[in-house]
Amino acid sequence: MKAWELTRDLLRNTKPVVRSAEEQTWDASAVMAAGDAMLAMFWKSNVPGSAAPECLMAGALQSLESKGYVLAPYHDLLADGLKAVDAADFEQLYMIDMRLRAIMQAAKPDPEHASQKTLRYQSWAEFDAATHWPEDEAVDVAGADFADQTRAAWLGQLVGAAAGTALEGYTAENIADVFGPIRDYVREPNTYNDDITFELAFLEAYREKGAAITGADIAARWTGMIPMGWSAEGIALNNIRRGIMPPVSGWLENPFDEWIGGQMRGTICGMVAPGRAREAARLAYIDAEVSAAGNGILGEVFNAVLAARAYTLSDTQDLLVSTCALFSTATEYGAVLAFALDACRNSPDWQTAWAKCDAEYIEYNWIHVYPNAAAQVVALWFGEGDFDRTLEIICGIGHDVDCNAAQMLCVLGIQKRSSVIAERWYAPLIKDDIVTYMRRPAKIAFDDLVQQTLEAAAIGR
């Protein structure tokens, strides 16, 4: 059927009806209220799991400046917008929001800014050609050991996300003041967060397409399975729903394209490509392009490669150092990894190393990939392969704790197997189905998730 035929039939085959006043108005009122609520959340919200305050508008402006973009003066508009949202003055807020978005649209890169002088890869081919990949290592994906490693990977990820969700958006100092060392859950744990959401979408696409997977395949799963996203992923979802495909979906009108959204979902790419660093990186690059660009992509690649190599490397510091070495310090992401490693080597404890990193990246948002990449390095270095110790460190550091803890404890689970994860950590999370906020799967049994991952890894061999 042609489009004109459909619209013709709608016009010519429908007889008039008389609607009541209520029927004429309620739809519009609900839409307006929903739009107001979304705008207010962009300006002022609290993280669902931890109640930490955030302002995405400030984060957007901050992120453009971090990348070396020159913005027209915006300080008064930002202050006025915060007053408007507090007063629920949506007429003013919409106008202020428009003006700030116009300022961001008009922003131009400053070629003399330090960030603009660094390397940002423009494609997988460019990154691949510049990287000296380690040789693939054989992994028996049909064996019991691989199954245990993969089970431990998901256990670690669920535990890290549950432990970190209540702590994200706070500093190391404030977490220590309130909770002391994190050696248990600070509240009743659950699985309801966004930390595995995008990995489940990737897993489904990969199970269907295998190594031939494309960004468009992943984007289709996003728009079908995931009702909403936040920051970079929210913008990417809106782009996809407008028909804008990866890689453009990742950077178009997306000031958050170097935030943590890619890094928080990288390990699944390593789990389906165990022992194969380059293939894990390739899959992560494809997946990251859906909602990220530049160094945001490298964050996902880093975690994917860590996970892939964890299947065959037993020493955690060796895994960390050799994986960091794959990333050129000509990129900001590679420079962050190098800075964090240097801080670790020259500090007596994780608190000292983290203080150096925190000071170095203080101008970056707490959801940006750089401080969180540094947090991962510090936790793996000083955790020394011990699951509980690594959890204590990465939760104690703060920033985007659930994303960091989920990914790094996944890596440790792979490396050290399920026996290192105490039952007290995982039992509350897998006694019932894993609950998500996705359209599908709204729930999934833990054993089913593990089995799907094992099947996906077998597809890729």
Protein backbone atom coordinates (compact mmCIF):
# COMPACT_ATOMS: atom_id res chain seq x y z
CA MET A 1 0.00 0.00 0.00
CA LYS A 2 1.26 3.47 -0.89
CA ALA A 3 1.22 6.19 1.76
CA TRP A 4 -1.28 8.26 -0.24
CA GLU A 5 -3.64 5.28 -0.35
CA LEU A 6 -3.56 4.91 3.42
CA THR A 7 -4.27 8.60 4.03
CA ARG A 8 -7.02 8.52 1.39
CA ASP A 9 -8.72 5.64 3.16
CA LEU A 10 -8.44 7.34 6.55
CA LEU A 11 -10.19 10.38 5.11
CA ARG A 12 -12.84 8.70 2.98
CA ASN A 13 -13.79 5.70 5.11
CA THR A 14 -14.35 7.47 8.43
CA LYS A 15 -17.63 9.08 9.46
CA PRO A 16 -17.79 12.09 11.81
CA VAL A 17 -18.27 11.64 15.55
CA VAL A 18 -19.00 14.18 18.26
CA ARG A 19 -16.49 14.19 21.11
CA SER A 20 -17.19 15.45 24.60
CA ALA A 21 -15.24 18.37 26.02
CA GLU A 22 -13.27 15.97 28.23
CA GLU A 23 -12.35 13.78 25.27
CA GLN A 24 -11.09 16.83 23.38
CA THR A 25 -8.74 18.06 26.10
CA TRP A 26 -7.38 15.28 28.30
CA ASP A 27 -4.86 13.93 25.80
CA ALA A 28 -3.25 17.32 25.28
CA SER A 29 -3.09 18.01 29.01
CA ALA A 30 -1.32 14.72 29.68
CA VAL A 31 1.19 15.34 26.90
CA MET A 32 1.91 18.85 28.18
CA ALA A 33 2.43 17.61 31.75
CA ALA A 34 4.79 14.87 30.55
CA GLY A 35 6.80 17.37 28.51
CA ASP A 36 7.08 19.73 31.46
CA ALA A 37 8.23 16.91 33.71
CA MET A 38 10.95 15.83 31.27
CA LEU A 39 12.23 19.38 30.92
CA ALA A 40 12.28 19.86 34.68
CA MET A 41 14.27 16.63 35.07
CA PHE A 42 16.86 17.87 32.57
CA TRP A 43 17.36 20.90 34.77
CA LYS A 44 17.02 19.44 38.24
CA SER A 45 16.78 15.84 39.33
CA ASN A 46 18.01 13.32 41.84
CA VAL A 47 19.62 10.03 40.89
CA PRO A 48 16.95 7.35 41.48
CA GLY A 49 19.13 4.96 43.47
CA SER A 50 21.17 7.40 45.56
CA ALA A 51 19.21 10.69 45.59
CA ALA A 52 22.37 12.55 44.52
CA PRO A 53 21.51 15.88 42.87
CA GLU A 54 22.30 16.54 39.23
CA CYS A 55 21.63 19.11 36.52
CA LEU A 56 21.98 17.79 32.98
CA MET A 57 21.83 21.28 31.50
CA ALA A 58 24.92 22.27 33.47
CA GLY A 59 26.50 18.96 32.52
CA ALA A 60 25.89 19.62 28.84
CA LEU A 61 27.52 23.05 28.97
CA GLN A 62 30.37 21.68 31.08
CA SER A 63 31.02 18.83 28.65
CA LEU A 64 31.27 21.08 25.61
CA GLU A 65 33.75 23.29 27.43
CA SER A 66 35.73 20.22 28.50
CA LYS A 67 36.13 19.31 24.83
CA GLY A 68 37.38 22.79 24.00
CA TYR A 69 34.26 24.41 22.59
CA VAL A 70 33.81 28.15 23.05
CA LEU A 71 30.38 29.12 24.34
CA ALA A 72 28.79 32.54 24.41
CA PRO A 73 28.18 33.84 27.96
CA TYR A 74 25.57 31.61 29.56
CA HIS A 75 26.02 32.06 33.30
CA ASP A 76 23.02 34.34 33.89
CA LEU A 77 20.75 32.13 31.79
CA LEU A 78 21.81 29.05 33.75
CA ALA A 79 21.10 30.79 37.06
CA ASP A 80 17.74 32.07 35.80
CA GLY A 81 16.81 28.60 34.57
CA LEU A 82 17.46 27.09 37.98
CA LYS A 83 15.22 29.74 39.55
CA ALA A 84 12.50 29.01 36.99
CA VAL A 85 12.52 25.27 37.61
CA ASP A 86 12.33 25.84 41.37
CA ALA A 87 9.33 28.11 40.81
CA ALA A 88 7.75 25.67 38.31
CA ASP A 89 7.66 28.61 35.88
CA PHE A 90 7.64 26.55 32.70
CA GLU A 91 6.94 29.47 30.40
CA GLN A 92 10.25 31.03 31.42
CA LEU A 93 12.06 27.71 31.64
CA TYR A 94 11.23 26.72 28.06
CA MET A 95 12.51 30.05 26.75
CA ILE A 96 15.71 29.89 28.80
CA ASP A 97 16.26 26.29 27.79
CA MET A 98 15.87 27.25 24.12
CA ARG A 99 18.42 30.06 24.43
CA LEU A 100 20.98 27.83 26.11
CA ARG A 101 20.52 25.16 23.46
CA ALA A 102 21.04 27.81 20.80
CA ILE A 103 24.30 28.77 22.50
CA MET A 104 25.41 25.14 22.42
CA GLN A 105 24.43 24.80 18.76
CA ALA A 106 26.54 27.84 17.93
CA ALA A 107 29.59 26.69 19.91
CA LYS A 108 32.81 26.35 17.93
CA PRO A 109 35.94 24.38 18.85
CA ASP A 110 38.97 26.36 19.95
CA PRO A 111 41.92 24.87 18.02
CA GLU A 112 44.29 26.04 20.78
CA HIS A 113 42.43 24.21 23.55
CA ALA A 114 44.37 21.25 24.93
CA SER A 115 41.54 18.81 24.21
CA GLN A 116 41.30 19.89 20.58
CA LYS A 117 45.00 19.11 20.10
CA THR A 118 44.54 15.46 21.08
CA LEU A 119 43.72 12.49 18.88
CA ARG A 120 40.12 11.41 18.42
CA TYR A 121 39.70 8.41 16.16
CA GLN A 122 37.09 8.88 13.45
CA SER A 123 36.44 5.20 12.71
CA TRP A 124 37.12 1.65 13.81
CA ALA A 125 39.46 1.23 10.86
CA GLU A 126 41.60 4.16 12.02
CA PHE A 127 41.72 2.92 15.62
CA ASP A 128 42.39 -0.66 14.56
CA ALA A 129 45.29 0.33 12.32
CA ALA A 130 46.89 2.34 15.13
CA THR A 131 46.67 -0.40 17.78
CA HIS A 132 49.06 -3.30 18.38
CA TRP A 133 46.66 -6.04 19.43
CA PRO A 134 47.76 -9.05 21.46
CA GLU A 135 47.41 -12.46 19.86
CA ASP A 136 44.13 -14.28 20.40
CA GLU A 137 44.14 -16.87 23.16
CA ALA A 138 42.23 -20.13 22.89
CA VAL A 139 39.21 -20.49 25.18
CA ASP A 140 37.03 -23.60 25.32
CA VAL A 141 33.61 -21.97 25.23
CA ALA A 142 31.94 -25.37 25.67
CA GLY A 143 33.88 -26.15 28.84
CA ALA A 144 32.79 -26.01 32.46
CA ASP A 145 35.48 -23.48 33.36
CA PHE A 146 34.25 -20.98 30.79
CA ALA A 147 30.70 -21.46 32.04
CA ASP A 148 31.81 -20.73 35.60
CA GLN A 149 33.75 -17.65 34.49
CA THR A 150 30.72 -16.33 32.64
CA ARG A 151 28.43 -17.05 35.57
CA ALA A 152 30.87 -15.18 37.83
CA ALA A 153 30.98 -12.31 35.35
CA TRP A 154 27.25 -11.74 35.66
CA LEU A 155 27.31 -12.25 39.43
CA GLY A 156 30.03 -9.62 39.72
CA GLN A 157 28.14 -7.26 37.51
CA LEU A 158 24.90 -7.59 39.44
CA VAL A 159 26.66 -7.22 42.79
CA GLY A 160 28.62 -4.17 41.65
CA ALA A 161 25.56 -2.45 40.27
CA ALA A 162 23.50 -3.18 43.38
CA ALA A 163 26.24 -2.03 45.75
CA GLY A 164 27.05 1.07 43.75
CA THR A 165 23.55 2.30 42.94
CA ALA A 166 23.07 3.70 46.45
CA LEU A 167 26.41 5.54 46.32
CA GLU A 168 26.64 7.12 42.87
CA GLY A 169 26.96 10.87 42.59
CA TYR A 170 28.92 11.37 45.81
CA THR A 171 32.59 11.95 46.61
CA ALA A 172 34.97 9.59 48.37
CA GLU A 173 35.12 11.93 51.37
CA ASN A 174 31.36 12.13 51.80
CA ILE A 175 30.87 8.39 51.37
CA ALA A 176 33.51 7.75 54.03
CA ASP A 177 31.93 10.29 56.38
CA VAL A 178 28.49 8.69 56.13
CA PHE A 179 29.20 4.99 55.66
CA GLY A 180 32.87 4.35 56.42
CA PRO A 181 34.45 1.50 54.42
CA ILE A 182 31.92 -0.21 52.13
CA ARG A 183 31.95 -3.84 53.22
CA ASP A 184 28.27 -4.60 52.82
CA TYR A 185 25.24 -3.23 51.02
CA VAL A 186 24.22 0.10 52.51
CA ARG A 187 20.57 -0.66 51.74
CA GLU A 188 18.53 -3.65 50.60
CA PRO A 189 19.94 -4.55 47.16
CA ASN A 190 18.01 -5.06 43.94
CA THR A 191 18.65 -5.39 40.21
CA TYR A 192 16.48 -2.49 39.05
CA ASN A 193 18.88 -0.09 37.34
CA ASP A 194 20.24 0.67 33.88
CA ASP A 195 23.56 -1.10 34.31
CA ILE A 196 22.74 -4.22 32.29
CA THR A 197 19.92 -2.78 30.17
CA PHE A 198 21.99 -1.92 27.12
CA GLU A 199 24.05 -5.10 27.44
CA LEU A 200 20.87 -7.16 27.20
CA ALA A 201 19.95 -5.32 24.01
CA PHE A 202 23.42 -5.99 22.57
CA LEU A 203 23.24 -9.64 23.61
CA GLU A 204 19.97 -10.18 21.79
CA ALA A 205 21.25 -8.51 18.62
CA TYR A 206 24.48 -10.49 18.77
CA ARG A 207 22.69 -13.80 19.27
CA GLU A 208 20.83 -13.13 16.04
CA LYS A 209 23.60 -11.62 13.91
CA GLY A 210 26.86 -12.85 15.45
CA ALA A 211 30.03 -11.27 14.12
CA ALA A 212 28.05 -9.60 11.32
CA ILE A 213 26.28 -7.35 13.84
CA THR A 214 25.95 -3.67 12.90
CA GLY A 215 25.15 -0.50 14.76
CA ALA A 216 21.75 -0.48 13.07
CA ASP A 217 21.02 -3.94 14.51
CA ILE A 218 21.80 -2.70 18.01
CA ALA A 219 19.87 0.54 17.48
CA ALA A 220 16.79 -1.44 16.50
CA ARG A 221 16.96 -3.39 19.76
CA TRP A 222 17.38 -0.16 21.71
CA THR A 223 14.29 1.48 20.31
CA GLY A 224 12.20 -1.67 20.62
CA MET A 225 13.34 -2.94 24.01
CA ILE A 226 14.38 0.16 25.97
CA PRO A 227 11.70 2.76 26.81
CA MET A 228 14.02 5.56 27.88
CA GLY A 229 17.60 6.56 28.53
CA TRP A 230 19.50 9.30 30.34
CA SER A 231 22.06 11.82 29.10
CA ALA A 232 23.92 10.36 26.08
CA GLU A 233 21.70 7.30 25.79
CA GLY A 234 18.52 9.38 26.03
CA ILE A 235 19.66 11.64 23.19
CA ALA A 236 20.79 8.65 21.14
CA LEU A 237 17.41 6.97 21.60
CA ASN A 238 15.66 10.12 20.41
CA ASN A 239 17.98 10.28 17.41
CA ILE A 240 17.33 6.63 16.55
CA ARG A 241 13.58 7.13 16.79
CA ARG A 242 13.95 9.97 14.28
CA GLY A 243 15.65 7.55 11.90
CA ILE A 244 19.20 8.77 12.60
CA MET A 245 21.40 5.69 12.59
CA PRO A 246 24.80 5.00 14.17
CA PRO A 247 27.39 6.42 14.17
CA VAL A 248 25.58 9.75 13.71
CA SER A 249 23.10 8.85 16.47
CA GLY A 250 26.00 8.88 18.91
CA TRP A 251 27.22 12.42 18.35
CA LEU A 252 24.43 14.44 16.75
CA GLU A 253 23.29 17.12 19.22
CA ASN A 254 24.82 14.99 21.97
CA PRO A 255 27.09 16.93 24.35
CA PHE A 256 27.30 13.80 26.52
CA ASP A 257 29.04 11.67 23.88
CA GLU A 258 32.16 11.29 26.04
CA TRP A 259 30.31 10.39 29.22
CA ILE A 260 30.26 6.92 30.76
CA GLY A 261 27.40 5.38 28.77
CA GLY A 262 29.68 3.31 26.57
CA GLN A 263 32.12 2.34 29.29
CA MET A 264 29.29 1.08 31.48
CA ARG A 265 28.33 -1.62 28.98
CA GLY A 266 31.66 -2.79 27.55
CA THR A 267 32.19 -6.11 29.32
CA ILE A 268 29.44 -7.95 27.42
CA CYS A 269 31.48 -7.52 24.24
CA GLY A 270 34.42 -9.24 25.91
CA MET A 271 32.18 -11.99 27.29
CA VAL A 272 31.07 -13.02 23.80
CA ALA A 273 34.66 -12.80 22.46
CA PRO A 274 36.70 -14.45 25.25
CA GLY A 275 40.44 -14.40 24.68
CA ARG A 276 40.09 -12.22 21.59
CA ALA A 277 41.01 -8.65 22.44
CA ARG A 278 40.70 -7.24 18.93
CA GLU A 279 37.30 -8.80 18.28
CA ALA A 280 36.00 -7.62 21.65
CA ALA A 281 37.25 -4.13 20.80
CA ARG A 282 35.59 -4.22 17.38
CA LEU A 283 32.24 -5.23 18.84
CA ALA A 284 32.53 -2.57 21.54
CA TYR A 285 33.35 0.09 18.97
CA ILE A 286 30.22 -0.82 16.99
CA ASP A 287 28.07 -0.82 20.12
CA ALA A 288 29.52 2.41 21.50
CA GLU A 289 28.90 4.34 18.28
CA VAL A 290 25.16 4.09 18.99
CA SER A 291 25.44 6.70 21.76
CA ALA A 292 29.05 7.86 22.01
CA ALA A 293 31.94 9.33 20.05
CA GLY A 294 35.66 9.92 20.48
CA ASN A 295 36.89 9.04 23.94
CA GLY A 296 33.44 7.83 24.95
CA ILE A 297 33.89 4.98 22.48
CA LEU A 298 37.33 4.17 23.87
CA GLY A 299 35.82 3.74 27.33
CA GLU A 300 33.64 0.90 26.09
CA VAL A 301 36.53 -0.63 24.17
CA PHE A 302 38.71 -0.58 27.30
CA ASN A 303 36.23 -2.53 29.40
CA ALA A 304 35.51 -4.96 26.58
CA VAL A 305 39.19 -5.75 26.16
CA LEU A 306 39.66 -6.13 29.92
CA ALA A 307 36.84 -8.66 29.99
CA ALA A 308 38.01 -10.60 26.94
CA ARG A 309 41.57 -10.89 28.24
CA ALA A 310 40.44 -11.71 31.80
CA TYR A 311 39.42 -15.15 30.53
CA THR A 312 43.09 -16.04 29.96
CA LEU A 313 45.16 -13.70 32.19
CA SER A 314 45.14 -14.55 35.89
CA ASP A 315 47.18 -11.64 37.29
CA THR A 316 44.99 -8.56 37.75
CA GLN A 317 47.74 -5.94 37.66
CA ASP A 318 49.26 -7.53 34.56
CA LEU A 319 45.84 -7.52 32.90
CA LEU A 320 45.35 -3.87 33.82
CA VAL A 321 48.78 -2.58 32.80
CA SER A 322 48.98 -4.48 29.52
CA THR A 323 45.46 -3.43 28.52
CA CYS A 324 46.12 0.22 29.35
CA ALA A 325 49.20 0.04 27.11
CA LEU A 326 46.98 -0.62 24.08
CA PHE A 327 45.58 2.93 24.27
CA SER A 328 47.71 5.70 22.81
CA THR A 329 48.46 8.60 25.14
CA ALA A 330 47.88 10.83 22.11
CA THR A 331 44.21 10.32 22.99
CA GLU A 332 42.83 11.88 26.14
CA TYR A 333 41.46 8.51 27.22
CA GLY A 334 44.86 6.87 26.91
CA ALA A 335 46.41 9.78 28.80
CA VAL A 336 43.87 9.32 31.61
CA LEU A 337 44.78 5.64 31.93
CA ALA A 338 48.48 6.51 32.02
CA PHE A 339 47.95 9.24 34.62
CA ALA A 340 45.94 6.92 36.84
CA LEU A 341 48.52 4.14 36.57
CA ASP A 342 51.29 6.58 37.48
CA ALA A 343 49.26 7.76 40.47
CA CYS A 344 48.89 4.15 41.60
CA ARG A 345 52.58 3.35 41.22
CA ASN A 346 53.56 6.41 43.23
CA SER A 347 51.00 6.26 46.04
CA PRO A 348 50.97 4.22 49.25
CA ASP A 349 47.21 3.55 49.15
CA TRP A 350 44.13 3.95 47.01
CA GLN A 351 42.99 7.09 48.81
CA THR A 352 46.18 8.92 47.88
CA ALA A 353 46.09 7.70 44.28
CA TRP A 354 42.45 8.63 43.91
CA ALA A 355 43.00 12.09 45.41
CA LYS A 356 45.54 12.77 42.65
CA CYS A 357 43.10 11.63 39.97
CA ASP A 358 40.20 13.51 41.52
CA ALA A 359 42.21 16.74 41.52
CA GLU A 360 43.39 16.19 37.94
CA TYR A 361 39.85 15.71 36.57
CA ILE A 362 37.89 17.97 38.89
CA GLU A 363 36.55 20.06 35.99
CA TYR A 364 34.84 17.01 34.49
CA ASN A 365 31.33 15.89 35.36
CA TRP A 366 31.06 12.93 37.71
CA ILE A 367 29.38 10.98 34.90
CA HIS A 368 32.16 11.77 32.39
CA VAL A 369 34.26 8.84 31.22
CA TYR A 370 37.62 10.29 32.40
CA PRO A 371 37.30 10.36 36.21
CA ASN A 372 35.48 7.05 36.08
CA ALA A 373 38.18 5.42 33.95
CA ALA A 374 40.69 6.61 36.54
CA ALA A 375 38.50 5.15 39.31
CA GLN A 376 38.50 1.77 37.57
CA VAL A 377 42.29 1.78 37.30
CA VAL A 378 42.77 2.68 40.97
CA ALA A 379 40.33 -0.01 42.12
CA LEU A 380 41.88 -2.78 40.03
CA TRP A 381 45.41 -1.79 41.03
CA PHE A 382 44.89 -1.62 44.77
CA GLY A 383 42.26 -4.36 44.87
CA GLU A 384 44.97 -6.79 43.77
CA GLY A 385 42.49 -9.34 42.49
CA ASP A 386 40.53 -9.58 45.74
CA PHE A 387 36.79 -9.28 45.06
CA ASP A 388 35.71 -7.76 48.38
CA ARG A 389 38.68 -5.41 48.54
CA THR A 390 38.07 -4.18 44.99
CA LEU A 391 34.40 -3.62 45.78
CA GLU A 392 35.32 -1.66 48.90
CA ILE A 393 37.68 0.58 46.92
CA ILE A 394 35.52 1.23 43.90
CA CYS A 395 32.47 1.93 46.04
CA GLY A 396 34.54 4.12 48.34
CA ILE A 397 35.84 6.24 45.47
CA GLY A 398 32.41 7.55 44.54
CA HIS A 399 31.47 9.22 41.24
CA ASP A 400 29.49 6.87 38.94
CA VAL A 401 29.88 3.97 41.32
CA ASP A 402 27.35 1.49 39.99
CA CYS A 403 28.71 1.65 36.45
CA ASN A 404 32.32 1.31 37.60
CA ALA A 405 31.69 -1.41 40.16
CA ALA A 406 29.53 -3.49 37.83
CA GLN A 407 32.16 -3.49 35.10
CA MET A 408 35.23 -4.08 37.25
CA LEU A 409 33.64 -6.76 39.42
CA CYS A 410 32.52 -8.44 36.21
CA VAL A 411 36.16 -8.50 35.10
CA LEU A 412 37.25 -9.94 38.46
CA GLY A 413 34.51 -12.54 38.31
CA ILE A 414 35.80 -13.72 34.95
CA GLN A 415 39.37 -13.80 36.16
CA LYS A 416 38.88 -15.38 39.59
CA ARG A 417 35.73 -17.49 39.02
CA SER A 418 32.57 -17.68 41.09
CA SER A 419 34.17 -19.11 44.22
CA VAL A 420 35.61 -15.68 45.14
CA ILE A 421 32.15 -14.09 45.35
CA ALA A 422 30.57 -14.63 48.75
CA GLU A 423 26.99 -15.84 48.75
CA ARG A 424 25.94 -12.91 50.93
CA TRP A 425 26.63 -10.63 47.97
CA TYR A 426 24.73 -12.43 45.25
CA ALA A 427 22.03 -14.47 47.00
CA PRO A 428 19.57 -11.56 47.38
CA LEU A 429 19.96 -10.69 43.71
CA ILE A 430 19.30 -14.07 42.07
CA LYS A 431 16.78 -15.67 44.43
CA ASP A 432 14.10 -14.29 42.11
CA ASP A 433 14.19 -13.15 38.50
CA ILE A 434 16.34 -10.17 37.56
CA VAL A 435 13.99 -7.19 37.21
CA THR A 436 14.67 -4.57 34.53
CA TYR A 437 12.92 -1.42 33.32
CA MET A 438 12.91 -2.74 29.76
CA ARG A 439 9.83 -3.54 27.70
CA ARG A 440 11.40 -6.93 27.18
CA PRO A 441 12.73 -8.69 29.13
CA ALA A 442 10.93 -7.09 32.05
CA LYS A 443 12.25 -10.05 34.01
CA ILE A 444 14.88 -12.69 33.27
CA ALA A 445 16.07 -15.66 35.29
CA PHE A 446 19.76 -15.48 36.16
CA ASP A 447 20.49 -18.94 34.77
CA ASP A 448 18.79 -18.00 31.50
CA LEU A 449 21.00 -14.91 31.22
CA VAL A 450 24.12 -17.00 31.72
CA GLN A 451 22.95 -19.58 29.18
CA GLN A 452 22.21 -16.91 26.57
CA THR A 453 25.71 -15.52 27.03
CA LEU A 454 27.29 -18.95 26.65
CA GLU A 455 25.33 -19.51 23.45
CA ALA A 456 26.38 -16.11 22.13
CA ALA A 457 30.05 -16.86 22.78
CA ALA A 458 29.71 -20.13 20.89
CA ILE A 459 28.20 -18.31 17.90
CA GLY A 460 31.26 -16.13 17.59
CA ARG A 461 33.87 -18.93 17.41
